[in-house]
Amino acid sequence: MAVTAAGVFRRTPGERADQRLAWNRADQPFFAAGACHILAWVCRDTYPDRPIGLAGLRFAGQRQVVHVYATWADWAFDHAGWNPEAYRTRLTARGARGRAGPAVVGAGPASRRF
């Protein structure tokens, strides 16, 4: 599977206004933008014997988390599968369209307390 920044799959205004439209997207767009948090929690719940954490990305000066993914050591799992976490955040920063790069919040095994 190609590693693509989640922002590429942002929901359209029509998809934001009509949940049915958003839910009927293909798997990668659905889990990249709109249901990434569900995929991250399912990943963590699938491996209860491993220290799977949860991380969120938000942009500098913003409160809203724009992407959530599962973490394990230096790896991140999201709509694009398992990839080095540093690569995942760089890819998201490049896809930010001129906004300040993302900050990782809640990363690592300690985030199991969520």
Protein backbone atom coordinates (compact mmCIF):
# COMPACT_ATOMS: atom_id res chain seq x y z
CA MET A 1 0.00 0.00 0.00
CA ALA A 2 1.32 3.43 -0.91
CA VAL A 3 2.21 5.64 2.00
CA THR A 4 0.11 8.75 1.51
CA ALA A 5 -0.45 11.65 3.90
CA ALA A 6 -3.86 11.43 5.52
CA GLY A 7 -4.61 15.01 4.46
CA VAL A 8 -4.80 13.87 0.84
CA PHE A 9 -8.01 12.08 1.81
CA ARG A 10 -9.69 15.03 3.57
CA ARG A 11 -13.45 14.84 3.46
CA THR A 12 -15.17 17.10 0.96
CA PRO A 13 -17.75 19.62 2.15
CA GLY A 14 -20.42 17.23 0.87
CA GLU A 15 -18.94 14.34 2.88
CA ARG A 16 -18.80 16.53 5.98
CA ALA A 17 -22.45 17.44 5.54
CA ASP A 18 -23.64 13.89 4.80
CA GLN A 19 -22.22 11.12 7.00
CA ARG A 20 -23.58 8.47 4.66
CA LEU A 21 -21.40 9.87 1.86
CA ALA A 22 -18.38 9.88 4.18
CA TRP A 23 -19.01 6.31 5.34
CA ASN A 24 -19.33 5.03 1.76
CA ARG A 25 -15.77 6.00 0.82
CA ALA A 26 -13.17 3.31 0.03
CA ASP A 27 -11.28 1.91 3.04
CA GLN A 28 -8.09 3.97 2.76
CA PRO A 29 -9.82 7.37 2.51
CA PHE A 30 -12.31 6.35 5.22
CA PHE A 31 -9.60 5.34 7.70
CA ALA A 32 -7.25 8.16 6.72
CA ALA A 33 -9.67 11.02 7.28
CA GLY A 34 -12.69 10.58 9.45
CA ALA A 35 -12.17 7.22 11.15
CA CYS A 36 -8.43 7.14 11.86
CA HIS A 37 -9.12 7.07 15.60
CA ILE A 38 -11.22 3.90 15.22
CA LEU A 39 -8.44 2.14 13.31
CA ALA A 40 -5.89 3.13 15.97
CA TRP A 41 -8.04 1.82 18.84
CA VAL A 42 -8.78 -1.45 17.00
CA CYS A 43 -5.06 -1.93 16.38
CA ARG A 44 -4.33 -1.41 20.05
CA ASP A 45 -7.15 -3.73 21.15
CA THR A 46 -6.00 -6.42 18.70
CA TYR A 47 -2.60 -6.69 20.43
CA PRO A 48 -3.36 -6.40 24.16
CA ASP A 49 -0.08 -8.14 25.03
CA ARG A 50 2.00 -5.45 23.30
CA PRO A 51 2.64 -1.87 24.42
CA ILE A 52 0.64 -0.31 21.60
CA GLY A 53 0.15 3.39 22.24
CA LEU A 54 -1.98 6.04 20.58
CA ALA A 55 -0.70 9.28 19.11
CA GLY A 56 -2.38 12.28 17.59
CA LEU A 57 -1.10 14.97 15.28
CA ARG A 58 -2.12 18.57 15.58
CA PHE A 59 -0.72 21.68 14.00
CA ALA A 60 1.17 24.37 15.89
CA GLY A 61 -1.20 26.70 17.68
CA GLN A 62 -4.22 24.42 17.12
CA ARG A 63 -6.16 22.41 19.69
CA GLN A 64 -7.83 20.01 17.29
CA VAL A 65 -6.07 16.72 16.56
CA VAL A 66 -6.05 16.16 12.80
CA HIS A 67 -4.85 12.54 12.66
CA VAL A 68 -4.67 9.64 15.13
CA TYR A 69 -2.57 6.50 14.78
CA ALA A 70 -1.29 3.55 16.81
CA THR A 71 2.36 3.41 17.93
CA TRP A 72 4.71 0.58 18.79
CA ALA A 73 8.33 1.46 19.57
CA ASP A 74 9.37 3.74 16.67
CA TRP A 75 6.57 2.53 14.38
CA ALA A 76 3.20 4.04 13.50
CA PHE A 77 0.11 2.23 12.20
CA ASP A 78 -2.63 4.00 10.28
CA HIS A 79 -4.44 3.82 6.94
CA ALA A 80 -1.08 3.22 5.20
CA GLY A 81 -0.04 0.26 7.38
CA TRP A 82 3.07 0.13 9.61
CA ASN A 83 5.70 2.79 8.87
CA PRO A 84 8.45 4.49 10.89
CA GLU A 85 6.74 7.12 13.03
CA ALA A 86 9.24 9.83 12.06
CA TYR A 87 8.41 9.19 8.40
CA ARG A 88 4.68 9.38 9.15
CA THR A 89 5.00 12.82 10.80
CA ARG A 90 7.27 14.16 8.02
CA LEU A 91 4.78 12.99 5.41
CA THR A 92 1.93 14.68 7.27
CA ALA A 93 3.94 17.90 7.56
CA ARG A 94 4.59 17.89 3.81
CA GLY A 95 0.88 17.42 3.15
CA ALA A 96 -0.05 20.31 5.45
CA ARG A 97 -0.36 22.82 2.59
CA GLY A 98 1.73 25.60 4.04
CA ARG A 99 0.64 25.21 7.67
CA ALA A 100 3.18 24.87 10.44
CA GLY A 101 4.26 21.24 10.84
CA PRO A 102 2.43 18.82 13.10
CA ALA A 103 3.22 18.21 16.74
CA VAL A 104 2.81 14.67 18.08
CA VAL A 105 0.64 14.49 21.18
CA GLY A 106 0.05 11.46 23.39
CA ALA A 107 2.65 9.25 21.67
CA GLY A 108 4.20 6.10 23.06
CA PRO A 109 3.29 3.28 25.43
CA ALA A 110 2.38 5.72 28.20
CA SER A 111 -0.59 6.76 26.11
CA ARG A 112 -2.23 3.44 27.05
CA ARG A 113 -3.77 5.43 29.90
CA PHE A 114 -6.22 7.13 27.48
